[in-house]
Amino acid sequence: MIAKKAKFRLLDALLITLCAGVVIYLGYRIQVRLKYSWNWQVIPRYLLRMDAQNRRLVANYLLLGLFTTIKLSIWSTILAMIIGVVMGIFRTSKRLFFRMIGSAYVELVRNLPALVLVFIFYFFVSDQIMPLLGIDSFIRARTGSSRQVLEFLFAPTSLFTQFISGIVTIAVFEGAFITEIVRAGIESVERGQREAAYALGLSWADQMRYVILPQATRRVLPPLANQFVSTVKDSSIVSAISIQELTFEGVQLSTSTQLIFEVWITVTAMYLLLTLSLSIAVHRLEKRLQRSD
């Protein structure tokens, strides 16, 4: 079916005018009623600063927080996808044991607040798992280029434990929702496809690899895109354990400088830049998949 081109109507103009009026009114309330003194010219210095040693511009607080948010979101998304695919397959397995594992995971995680999971994983992973695996001592022993690579990909060594805890927390939380998306995608594949694959003598693994998952992937891409965007937004909860991501830096700056509106409007714009870019990328990928069909 060919999509109809959207037309600009009178109602659209009225809604745009209404939204603009609301923005102007809020600006008036802030400027006149609250007697707030805007100071936008200092915001750039919190994005970039001049490095006196190297004589060049380097990232400052807000950009560093943005980079940490990006790294946190990327690693959390990768781990959440692994968890979600595995548990989604478990949820559709013929074996009761696997289905029980998948169901217990989804029901437990989806019914717990994300902030509670942050503290549980932070204190458990930090106090028990990390020392047991010797990760802390391994990270602190790194020097030179290996340490720089780890800090570039993850976080400074002093915050490595918190960063890993944040990744695990977000991945486990988002993985529960991805599990249900994957389960729905697998179950949406027609039964005749499974029967045809079985009649061809394909094993269960080959059925999933060549028949079920390729078809399910196209169907779950739009909801997965929403979940990826949600992962970026939910990364802000790890500011509770002092991970210096974008929200944490926004809190610190707004408290120390009293530039409440300037800082949080800038933080909002940076989050929108991330989420909208991700939405556009996934939309283009979806169109490409439709053309290949």
C-alpha atoms as a PDB file:
ATOM      1  CA  MET A   1       0.000   0.000   0.000  1.00  0.00           C
ATOM      2  CA  ILE A   2       1.360   3.431  -0.997  1.00  0.00           C
ATOM      3  CA  ALA A   3       1.467   5.900   1.875  1.00  0.00           C
ATOM      4  CA  LYS A   4      -0.368   9.167   1.269  1.00  0.00           C
ATOM      5  CA  LYS A   5       1.595  12.367   1.466  1.00  0.00           C
ATOM      6  CA  ALA A   6       0.773  14.315   4.608  1.00  0.00           C
ATOM      7  CA  LYS A   7      -0.912  17.673   4.045  1.00  0.00           C
ATOM      8  CA  PHE A   8      -0.489  20.761   6.177  1.00  0.00           C
ATOM      9  CA  ARG A   9      -3.950  21.670   7.491  1.00  0.00           C
ATOM     10  CA  LEU A  10      -5.442  24.524   9.461  1.00  0.00           C
ATOM     11  CA  LEU A  11      -5.555  22.357  12.571  1.00  0.00           C
ATOM     12  CA  ASP A  12      -1.794  21.777  12.286  1.00  0.00           C
ATOM     13  CA  ALA A  13      -1.184  25.521  12.138  1.00  0.00           C
ATOM     14  CA  LEU A  14      -3.384  26.051  15.193  1.00  0.00           C
ATOM     15  CA  LEU A  15      -1.558  23.362  17.168  1.00  0.00           C
ATOM     16  CA  ILE A  16       1.842  24.807  16.241  1.00  0.00           C
ATOM     17  CA  THR A  17       0.649  28.267  17.252  1.00  0.00           C
ATOM     18  CA  LEU A  18      -0.669  26.900  20.547  1.00  0.00           C
ATOM     19  CA  CYS A  19       2.631  25.174  21.329  1.00  0.00           C
ATOM     20  CA  ALA A  20       4.576  28.329  20.482  1.00  0.00           C
ATOM     21  CA  GLY A  21       2.263  30.304  22.739  1.00  0.00           C
ATOM     22  CA  VAL A  22       2.851  27.905  25.618  1.00  0.00           C
ATOM     23  CA  VAL A  23       6.626  28.212  25.180  1.00  0.00           C
ATOM     24  CA  ILE A  24       6.432  32.017  25.079  1.00  0.00           C
ATOM     25  CA  TYR A  25       4.194  32.071  28.166  1.00  0.00           C
ATOM     26  CA  LEU A  26       6.580  29.826  30.106  1.00  0.00           C
ATOM     27  CA  GLY A  27       9.482  32.053  29.104  1.00  0.00           C
ATOM     28  CA  TYR A  28       7.510  35.067  30.310  1.00  0.00           C
ATOM     29  CA  ARG A  29       6.747  33.406  33.652  1.00  0.00           C
ATOM     30  CA  ILE A  30      10.396  32.551  34.158  1.00  0.00           C
ATOM     31  CA  GLN A  31      11.685  35.964  33.066  1.00  0.00           C
ATOM     32  CA  VAL A  32       9.149  38.251  34.756  1.00  0.00           C
ATOM     33  CA  ARG A  33       7.466  36.353  37.545  1.00  0.00           C
ATOM     34  CA  LEU A  34      10.523  34.477  38.803  1.00  0.00           C
ATOM     35  CA  LYS A  35      12.856  37.358  37.891  1.00  0.00           C
ATOM     36  CA  TYR A  36      15.275  34.825  36.471  1.00  0.00           C
ATOM     37  CA  SER A  37      18.429  36.212  34.854  1.00  0.00           C
ATOM     38  CA  TRP A  38      19.403  34.135  31.820  1.00  0.00           C
ATOM     39  CA  ASN A  39      23.110  33.524  31.296  1.00  0.00           C
ATOM     40  CA  TRP A  40      23.509  31.402  28.177  1.00  0.00           C
ATOM     41  CA  GLN A  41      26.976  32.692  27.324  1.00  0.00           C
ATOM     42  CA  VAL A  42      28.629  30.574  30.026  1.00  0.00           C
ATOM     43  CA  ILE A  43      27.144  27.276  28.804  1.00  0.00           C
ATOM     44  CA  PRO A  44      29.750  26.746  26.015  1.00  0.00           C
ATOM     45  CA  ARG A  45      32.551  26.670  28.576  1.00  0.00           C
ATOM     46  CA  TYR A  46      30.893  23.650  30.203  1.00  0.00           C
ATOM     47  CA  LEU A  47      30.828  21.897  26.845  1.00  0.00           C
ATOM     48  CA  LEU A  48      34.412  22.646  25.775  1.00  0.00           C
ATOM     49  CA  ARG A  49      37.413  24.081  27.568  1.00  0.00           C
ATOM     50  CA  MET A  50      40.884  25.143  26.543  1.00  0.00           C
ATOM     51  CA  ASP A  51      43.585  22.723  27.608  1.00  0.00           C
ATOM     52  CA  ALA A  52      46.423  24.949  28.813  1.00  0.00           C
ATOM     53  CA  GLN A  53      49.026  22.225  28.343  1.00  0.00           C
ATOM     54  CA  ASN A  54      48.153  21.175  24.780  1.00  0.00           C
ATOM     55  CA  ARG A  55      46.686  24.495  23.657  1.00  0.00           C
ATOM     56  CA  ARG A  56      43.545  22.942  22.190  1.00  0.00           C
ATOM     57  CA  LEU A  57      39.864  22.581  23.001  1.00  0.00           C
ATOM     58  CA  VAL A  58      38.867  19.467  24.924  1.00  0.00           C
ATOM     59  CA  ALA A  59      35.543  18.166  26.205  1.00  0.00           C
ATOM     60  CA  ASN A  60      34.312  19.595  29.476  1.00  0.00           C
ATOM     61  CA  TYR A  61      31.685  18.414  31.973  1.00  0.00           C
ATOM     62  CA  LEU A  62      28.563  18.198  29.805  1.00  0.00           C
ATOM     63  CA  LEU A  63      30.287  16.643  26.788  1.00  0.00           C
ATOM     64  CA  LEU A  64      32.148  14.200  29.019  1.00  0.00           C
ATOM     65  CA  GLY A  65      28.814  13.261  30.565  1.00  0.00           C
ATOM     66  CA  LEU A  66      27.353  12.800  27.080  1.00  0.00           C
ATOM     67  CA  PHE A  67      30.232  10.515  26.072  1.00  0.00           C
ATOM     68  CA  THR A  68      29.747   8.459  29.242  1.00  0.00           C
ATOM     69  CA  THR A  69      26.020   8.176  28.483  1.00  0.00           C
ATOM     70  CA  ILE A  70      26.806   6.975  24.952  1.00  0.00           C
ATOM     71  CA  LYS A  71      29.266   4.341  26.195  1.00  0.00           C
ATOM     72  CA  LEU A  72      26.880   3.250  28.912  1.00  0.00           C
ATOM     73  CA  SER A  73      24.009   2.969  26.416  1.00  0.00           C
ATOM     74  CA  ILE A  74      26.046   1.036  23.834  1.00  0.00           C
ATOM     75  CA  TRP A  75      27.358  -1.593  26.246  1.00  0.00           C
ATOM     76  CA  SER A  76      24.001  -1.881  28.014  1.00  0.00           C
ATOM     77  CA  THR A  77      22.191  -2.331  24.692  1.00  0.00           C
ATOM     78  CA  ILE A  78      24.595  -5.054  23.553  1.00  0.00           C
ATOM     79  CA  LEU A  79      24.260  -6.961  26.819  1.00  0.00           C
ATOM     80  CA  ALA A  80      20.481  -6.401  26.946  1.00  0.00           C
ATOM     81  CA  MET A  81      20.130  -7.761  23.400  1.00  0.00           C
ATOM     82  CA  ILE A  82      22.058 -10.902  24.330  1.00  0.00           C
ATOM     83  CA  ILE A  83      19.926 -11.400  27.436  1.00  0.00           C
ATOM     84  CA  GLY A  84      16.701 -10.587  25.587  1.00  0.00           C
ATOM     85  CA  VAL A  85      17.347 -12.955  22.666  1.00  0.00           C
ATOM     86  CA  VAL A  86      18.361 -15.832  24.926  1.00  0.00           C
ATOM     87  CA  MET A  87      15.441 -15.354  27.289  1.00  0.00           C
ATOM     88  CA  GLY A  88      13.048 -14.780  24.385  1.00  0.00           C
ATOM     89  CA  ILE A  89      14.056 -18.133  22.927  1.00  0.00           C
ATOM     90  CA  PHE A  90      13.669 -19.680  26.383  1.00  0.00           C
ATOM     91  CA  ARG A  91      10.155 -18.236  26.584  1.00  0.00           C
ATOM     92  CA  THR A  92       9.176 -20.015  23.362  1.00  0.00           C
ATOM     93  CA  SER A  93      10.996 -23.265  24.118  1.00  0.00           C
ATOM     94  CA  LYS A  94       9.140 -26.561  24.290  1.00  0.00           C
ATOM     95  CA  ARG A  95      10.939 -27.416  27.529  1.00  0.00           C
ATOM     96  CA  LEU A  96       9.105 -26.345  30.654  1.00  0.00           C
ATOM     97  CA  PHE A  97      12.329 -25.640  32.565  1.00  0.00           C
ATOM     98  CA  PHE A  98      13.516 -23.060  30.037  1.00  0.00           C
ATOM     99  CA  ARG A  99      10.073 -21.428  29.869  1.00  0.00           C
ATOM    100  CA  MET A 100      10.011 -21.156  33.658  1.00  0.00           C
ATOM    101  CA  ILE A 101      13.432 -19.480  33.692  1.00  0.00           C
ATOM    102  CA  GLY A 102      12.348 -16.961  31.059  1.00  0.00           C
ATOM    103  CA  SER A 103       9.017 -16.244  32.746  1.00  0.00           C
ATOM    104  CA  ALA A 104      10.567 -15.860  36.204  1.00  0.00           C
ATOM    105  CA  TYR A 105      13.162 -13.424  34.866  1.00  0.00           C
ATOM    106  CA  VAL A 106      10.611 -11.269  33.044  1.00  0.00           C
ATOM    107  CA  GLU A 107       8.093 -11.146  35.895  1.00  0.00           C
ATOM    108  CA  LEU A 108      10.742 -10.447  38.529  1.00  0.00           C
ATOM    109  CA  VAL A 109      12.511  -7.635  36.677  1.00  0.00           C
ATOM    110  CA  ARG A 110       9.423  -5.927  35.228  1.00  0.00           C
ATOM    111  CA  ASN A 111       7.818  -5.690  38.668  1.00  0.00           C
ATOM    112  CA  LEU A 112      10.824  -4.099  40.390  1.00  0.00           C
ATOM    113  CA  PRO A 113      11.704  -0.379  40.200  1.00  0.00           C
ATOM    114  CA  ALA A 114      14.821   0.285  38.165  1.00  0.00           C
ATOM    115  CA  LEU A 115      16.371   2.311  40.981  1.00  0.00           C
ATOM    116  CA  VAL A 116      16.053  -0.645  43.357  1.00  0.00           C
ATOM    117  CA  LEU A 117      17.891  -2.801  40.819  1.00  0.00           C
ATOM    118  CA  VAL A 118      20.637  -0.174  40.628  1.00  0.00           C
ATOM    119  CA  PHE A 119      21.376  -0.414  44.344  1.00  0.00           C
ATOM    120  CA  ILE A 120      21.024  -4.209  44.459  1.00  0.00           C
ATOM    121  CA  PHE A 121      23.470  -4.745  41.609  1.00  0.00           C
ATOM    122  CA  TYR A 122      25.817  -1.999  42.755  1.00  0.00           C
ATOM    123  CA  PHE A 123      26.296  -3.334  46.254  1.00  0.00           C
ATOM    124  CA  PHE A 124      26.215  -6.989  45.215  1.00  0.00           C
ATOM    125  CA  VAL A 125      28.473  -6.672  42.163  1.00  0.00           C
ATOM    126  CA  SER A 126      30.845  -4.242  43.880  1.00  0.00           C
ATOM    127  CA  ASP A 127      31.174  -6.131  47.146  1.00  0.00           C
ATOM    128  CA  GLN A 128      30.962  -9.739  45.973  1.00  0.00           C
ATOM    129  CA  ILE A 129      31.395 -10.477  42.276  1.00  0.00           C
ATOM    130  CA  MET A 130      34.109  -7.979  41.301  1.00  0.00           C
ATOM    131  CA  PRO A 131      36.574  -8.919  44.071  1.00  0.00           C
ATOM    132  CA  LEU A 132      35.841 -12.614  43.536  1.00  0.00           C
ATOM    133  CA  LEU A 133      36.744 -12.341  39.845  1.00  0.00           C
ATOM    134  CA  GLY A 134      39.742 -10.153  40.570  1.00  0.00           C
ATOM    135  CA  ILE A 135      38.564  -7.472  38.164  1.00  0.00           C
ATOM    136  CA  ASP A 136      39.410  -4.567  40.473  1.00  0.00           C
ATOM    137  CA  SER A 137      43.013  -5.626  40.911  1.00  0.00           C
ATOM    138  CA  PHE A 138      43.318  -6.358  37.192  1.00  0.00           C
ATOM    139  CA  ILE A 139      42.042  -2.905  36.225  1.00  0.00           C
ATOM    140  CA  ARG A 140      44.213  -1.082  38.741  1.00  0.00           C
ATOM    141  CA  ALA A 141      47.289  -2.963  37.509  1.00  0.00           C
ATOM    142  CA  ARG A 142      46.836  -1.723  33.942  1.00  0.00           C
ATOM    143  CA  THR A 143      49.274   0.947  32.795  1.00  0.00           C
ATOM    144  CA  GLY A 144      50.121   2.773  29.607  1.00  0.00           C
ATOM    145  CA  SER A 145      48.138   2.126  26.442  1.00  0.00           C
ATOM    146  CA  SER A 146      46.073  -0.747  27.877  1.00  0.00           C
ATOM    147  CA  ARG A 147      44.774   1.511  30.628  1.00  0.00           C
ATOM    148  CA  GLN A 148      43.977   4.252  28.122  1.00  0.00           C
ATOM    149  CA  VAL A 149      42.013   1.810  25.959  1.00  0.00           C
ATOM    150  CA  LEU A 150      39.984   0.598  28.948  1.00  0.00           C
ATOM    151  CA  GLU A 151      39.244   4.140  30.027  1.00  0.00           C
ATOM    152  CA  PHE A 152      38.265   5.111  26.479  1.00  0.00           C
ATOM    153  CA  LEU A 153      35.901   2.143  26.064  1.00  0.00           C
ATOM    154  CA  PHE A 154      34.503   2.128  29.592  1.00  0.00           C
ATOM    155  CA  ALA A 155      35.358   4.573  32.382  1.00  0.00           C
ATOM    156  CA  PRO A 156      38.264   5.799  34.518  1.00  0.00           C
ATOM    157  CA  THR A 157      39.684   3.091  36.767  1.00  0.00           C
ATOM    158  CA  SER A 158      38.363   4.833  39.878  1.00  0.00           C
ATOM    159  CA  LEU A 159      34.802   4.525  38.530  1.00  0.00           C
ATOM    160  CA  PHE A 160      35.143   1.193  36.734  1.00  0.00           C
ATOM    161  CA  THR A 161      33.188  -0.792  39.338  1.00  0.00           C
ATOM    162  CA  GLN A 162      30.281   1.657  39.302  1.00  0.00           C
ATOM    163  CA  PHE A 163      30.301   1.700  35.496  1.00  0.00           C
ATOM    164  CA  ILE A 164      30.104  -2.097  35.214  1.00  0.00           C
ATOM    165  CA  SER A 165      27.348  -2.164  37.840  1.00  0.00           C
ATOM    166  CA  GLY A 166      25.426   0.424  35.821  1.00  0.00           C
ATOM    167  CA  ILE A 167      25.815  -1.579  32.609  1.00  0.00           C
ATOM    168  CA  VAL A 168      24.590  -4.767  34.267  1.00  0.00           C
ATOM    169  CA  THR A 169      21.644  -3.009  35.905  1.00  0.00           C
ATOM    170  CA  ILE A 170      20.414  -1.301  32.736  1.00  0.00           C
ATOM    171  CA  ALA A 171      20.981  -4.442  30.646  1.00  0.00           C
ATOM    172  CA  VAL A 172      19.045  -6.661  33.043  1.00  0.00           C
ATOM    173  CA  PHE A 173      16.209  -4.130  33.274  1.00  0.00           C
ATOM    174  CA  GLU A 174      15.932  -3.491  29.525  1.00  0.00           C
ATOM    175  CA  GLY A 175      16.555  -7.158  28.717  1.00  0.00           C
ATOM    176  CA  ALA A 176      13.230  -8.107  30.304  1.00  0.00           C
ATOM    177  CA  PHE A 177      11.336  -5.904  27.846  1.00  0.00           C
ATOM    178  CA  ILE A 178      13.457  -7.058  24.909  1.00  0.00           C
ATOM    179  CA  THR A 179      12.653 -10.637  25.957  1.00  0.00           C
ATOM    180  CA  GLU A 180       8.948 -10.020  25.447  1.00  0.00           C
ATOM    181  CA  ILE A 181       9.578  -8.292  22.127  1.00  0.00           C
ATOM    182  CA  VAL A 182      11.663 -11.226  20.878  1.00  0.00           C
ATOM    183  CA  ARG A 183       9.095 -13.731  22.179  1.00  0.00           C
ATOM    184  CA  ALA A 184       6.275 -11.939  20.366  1.00  0.00           C
ATOM    185  CA  GLY A 185       8.347 -11.785  17.183  1.00  0.00           C
ATOM    186  CA  ILE A 186       9.129 -15.509  17.256  1.00  0.00           C
ATOM    187  CA  GLU A 187       5.522 -16.457  17.965  1.00  0.00           C
ATOM    188  CA  SER A 188       4.307 -14.199  15.130  1.00  0.00           C
ATOM    189  CA  VAL A 189       6.038 -16.389  12.529  1.00  0.00           C
ATOM    190  CA  GLU A 190       3.407 -18.588  10.925  1.00  0.00           C
ATOM    191  CA  ARG A 191       3.243 -22.199  12.006  1.00  0.00           C
ATOM    192  CA  GLY A 192       3.518 -23.308   8.374  1.00  0.00           C
ATOM    193  CA  GLN A 193       7.037 -21.840   8.255  1.00  0.00           C
ATOM    194  CA  ARG A 194       8.098 -24.026  11.161  1.00  0.00           C
ATOM    195  CA  GLU A 195       6.476 -27.103   9.667  1.00  0.00           C
ATOM    196  CA  ALA A 196       8.136 -26.486   6.301  1.00  0.00           C
ATOM    197  CA  ALA A 197      11.531 -26.109   7.962  1.00  0.00           C
ATOM    198  CA  TYR A 198      10.954 -29.305   9.938  1.00  0.00           C
ATOM    199  CA  ALA A 199       9.875 -31.147   6.767  1.00  0.00           C
ATOM    200  CA  LEU A 200      13.140 -30.117   5.122  1.00  0.00           C
ATOM    201  CA  GLY A 201      15.017 -31.881   7.905  1.00  0.00           C
ATOM    202  CA  LEU A 202      16.426 -28.763   9.534  1.00  0.00           C
ATOM    203  CA  SER A 203      17.486 -29.061  13.148  1.00  0.00           C
ATOM    204  CA  TRP A 204      15.964 -26.780  15.795  1.00  0.00           C
ATOM    205  CA  ALA A 205      19.048 -24.542  15.708  1.00  0.00           C
ATOM    206  CA  ASP A 206      18.930 -24.276  11.900  1.00  0.00           C
ATOM    207  CA  GLN A 207      15.202 -23.551  12.000  1.00  0.00           C
ATOM    208  CA  MET A 208      15.815 -20.641  14.352  1.00  0.00           C
ATOM    209  CA  ARG A 209      18.852 -19.429  12.399  1.00  0.00           C
ATOM    210  CA  TYR A 210      17.594 -19.644   8.832  1.00  0.00           C
ATOM    211  CA  VAL A 211      13.787 -19.487   9.077  1.00  0.00           C
ATOM    212  CA  ILE A 212      12.360 -18.115  12.333  1.00  0.00           C
ATOM    213  CA  LEU A 213      14.767 -15.392  13.508  1.00  0.00           C
ATOM    214  CA  PRO A 214      15.280 -13.712  10.086  1.00  0.00           C
ATOM    215  CA  GLN A 215      11.518 -13.224   9.740  1.00  0.00           C
ATOM    216  CA  ALA A 216      11.077 -12.251  13.378  1.00  0.00           C
ATOM    217  CA  THR A 217      13.862  -9.658  13.145  1.00  0.00           C
ATOM    218  CA  ARG A 218      11.977  -7.570  10.586  1.00  0.00           C
ATOM    219  CA  ARG A 219       8.849  -7.643  12.714  1.00  0.00           C
ATOM    220  CA  VAL A 220      10.481  -6.704  16.004  1.00  0.00           C
ATOM    221  CA  LEU A 221      12.687  -3.911  14.647  1.00  0.00           C
ATOM    222  CA  PRO A 222      10.229  -1.021  15.332  1.00  0.00           C
ATOM    223  CA  PRO A 223       9.559  -1.990  18.979  1.00  0.00           C
ATOM    224  CA  LEU A 224      13.264  -2.721  19.460  1.00  0.00           C
ATOM    225  CA  ALA A 225      14.037   0.792  18.234  1.00  0.00           C
ATOM    226  CA  ASN A 226      11.748   2.184  20.930  1.00  0.00           C
ATOM    227  CA  GLN A 227      13.520   0.022  23.487  1.00  0.00           C
ATOM    228  CA  PHE A 228      16.946   1.263  22.373  1.00  0.00           C
ATOM    229  CA  VAL A 229      15.740   4.828  22.836  1.00  0.00           C
ATOM    230  CA  SER A 230      14.412   3.829  26.246  1.00  0.00           C
ATOM    231  CA  THR A 231      17.839   2.429  27.130  1.00  0.00           C
ATOM    232  CA  VAL A 232      19.434   5.808  26.438  1.00  0.00           C
ATOM    233  CA  LYS A 233      16.879   7.554  28.638  1.00  0.00           C
ATOM    234  CA  ASP A 234      17.013   4.950  31.416  1.00  0.00           C
ATOM    235  CA  SER A 235      20.791   5.307  31.617  1.00  0.00           C
ATOM    236  CA  SER A 236      20.158   8.398  33.745  1.00  0.00           C
ATOM    237  CA  ILE A 237      19.173   6.257  36.736  1.00  0.00           C
ATOM    238  CA  VAL A 238      22.783   5.231  37.322  1.00  0.00           C
ATOM    239  CA  SER A 239      23.555   8.790  38.400  1.00  0.00           C
ATOM    240  CA  ALA A 240      22.350   7.526  41.793  1.00  0.00           C
ATOM    241  CA  ILE A 241      25.617   5.569  42.172  1.00  0.00           C
ATOM    242  CA  SER A 242      27.798   8.518  41.100  1.00  0.00           C
ATOM    243  CA  ILE A 243      28.456   7.465  37.513  1.00  0.00           C
ATOM    244  CA  GLN A 244      29.369  10.729  35.832  1.00  0.00           C
ATOM    245  CA  GLU A 245      26.958  10.512  32.932  1.00  0.00           C
ATOM    246  CA  LEU A 246      24.926  13.374  31.484  1.00  0.00           C
ATOM    247  CA  THR A 247      22.249  13.614  34.185  1.00  0.00           C
ATOM    248  CA  PHE A 248      24.839  13.429  36.983  1.00  0.00           C
ATOM    249  CA  GLU A 249      26.849  16.254  35.393  1.00  0.00           C
ATOM    250  CA  GLY A 250      23.654  18.265  34.945  1.00  0.00           C
ATOM    251  CA  VAL A 251      22.822  17.918  38.629  1.00  0.00           C
ATOM    252  CA  GLN A 252      26.328  18.930  39.676  1.00  0.00           C
ATOM    253  CA  LEU A 253      26.446  21.949  37.366  1.00  0.00           C
ATOM    254  CA  SER A 254      22.961  23.234  38.147  1.00  0.00           C
ATOM    255  CA  THR A 255      23.714  22.989  41.874  1.00  0.00           C
ATOM    256  CA  SER A 256      27.109  24.680  41.738  1.00  0.00           C
ATOM    257  CA  THR A 257      26.319  27.410  39.190  1.00  0.00           C
ATOM    258  CA  GLN A 258      22.598  28.022  39.903  1.00  0.00           C
ATOM    259  CA  LEU A 259      22.018  28.032  36.120  1.00  0.00           C
ATOM    260  CA  ILE A 260      18.996  25.803  36.512  1.00  0.00           C
ATOM    261  CA  PHE A 261      17.158  26.395  33.250  1.00  0.00           C
ATOM    262  CA  GLU A 262      20.213  26.832  31.025  1.00  0.00           C
ATOM    263  CA  VAL A 263      21.851  23.603  32.199  1.00  0.00           C
ATOM    264  CA  TRP A 264      18.738  21.444  32.016  1.00  0.00           C
ATOM    265  CA  ILE A 265      17.620  22.826  28.655  1.00  0.00           C
ATOM    266  CA  THR A 266      21.093  21.983  27.332  1.00  0.00           C
ATOM    267  CA  VAL A 267      20.940  18.492  28.855  1.00  0.00           C
ATOM    268  CA  THR A 268      17.482  18.010  27.309  1.00  0.00           C
ATOM    269  CA  ALA A 269      18.780  19.040  23.882  1.00  0.00           C
ATOM    270  CA  MET A 270      21.696  16.601  24.170  1.00  0.00           C
ATOM    271  CA  TYR A 271      19.385  13.724  25.103  1.00  0.00           C
ATOM    272  CA  LEU A 272      17.104  14.631  22.188  1.00  0.00           C
ATOM    273  CA  LEU A 273      20.092  14.625  19.855  1.00  0.00           C
ATOM    274  CA  LEU A 274      20.915  11.073  20.917  1.00  0.00           C
ATOM    275  CA  THR A 275      17.419   9.649  20.838  1.00  0.00           C
ATOM    276  CA  LEU A 276      16.311  11.326  17.609  1.00  0.00           C
ATOM    277  CA  SER A 277      19.506  10.247  15.820  1.00  0.00           C
ATOM    278  CA  LEU A 278      18.892   6.676  16.939  1.00  0.00           C
ATOM    279  CA  SER A 279      15.253   6.809  15.828  1.00  0.00           C
ATOM    280  CA  ILE A 280      16.206   8.119  12.386  1.00  0.00           C
ATOM    281  CA  ALA A 281      18.901   5.461  11.952  1.00  0.00           C
ATOM    282  CA  VAL A 282      16.527   2.638  12.840  1.00  0.00           C
ATOM    283  CA  HIS A 283      13.796   4.090  10.591  1.00  0.00           C
ATOM    284  CA  ARG A 284      16.201   4.071   7.641  1.00  0.00           C
ATOM    285  CA  LEU A 285      17.237   0.506   8.435  1.00  0.00           C
ATOM    286  CA  GLU A 286      13.580  -0.515   8.526  1.00  0.00           C
ATOM    287  CA  LYS A 287      13.002   1.059   5.100  1.00  0.00           C
ATOM    288  CA  ARG A 288      16.040  -0.738   3.703  1.00  0.00           C
ATOM    289  CA  LEU A 289      14.725  -4.054   4.973  1.00  0.00           C
ATOM    290  CA  GLN A 290      11.358  -3.329   3.350  1.00  0.00           C
ATOM    291  CA  ARG A 291      13.051  -2.617   0.011  1.00  0.00           C
ATOM    292  CA  SER A 292      15.017  -5.870   0.258  1.00  0.00           C
ATOM    293  CA  ASP A 293      11.736  -7.755   0.721  1.00  0.00           C
END
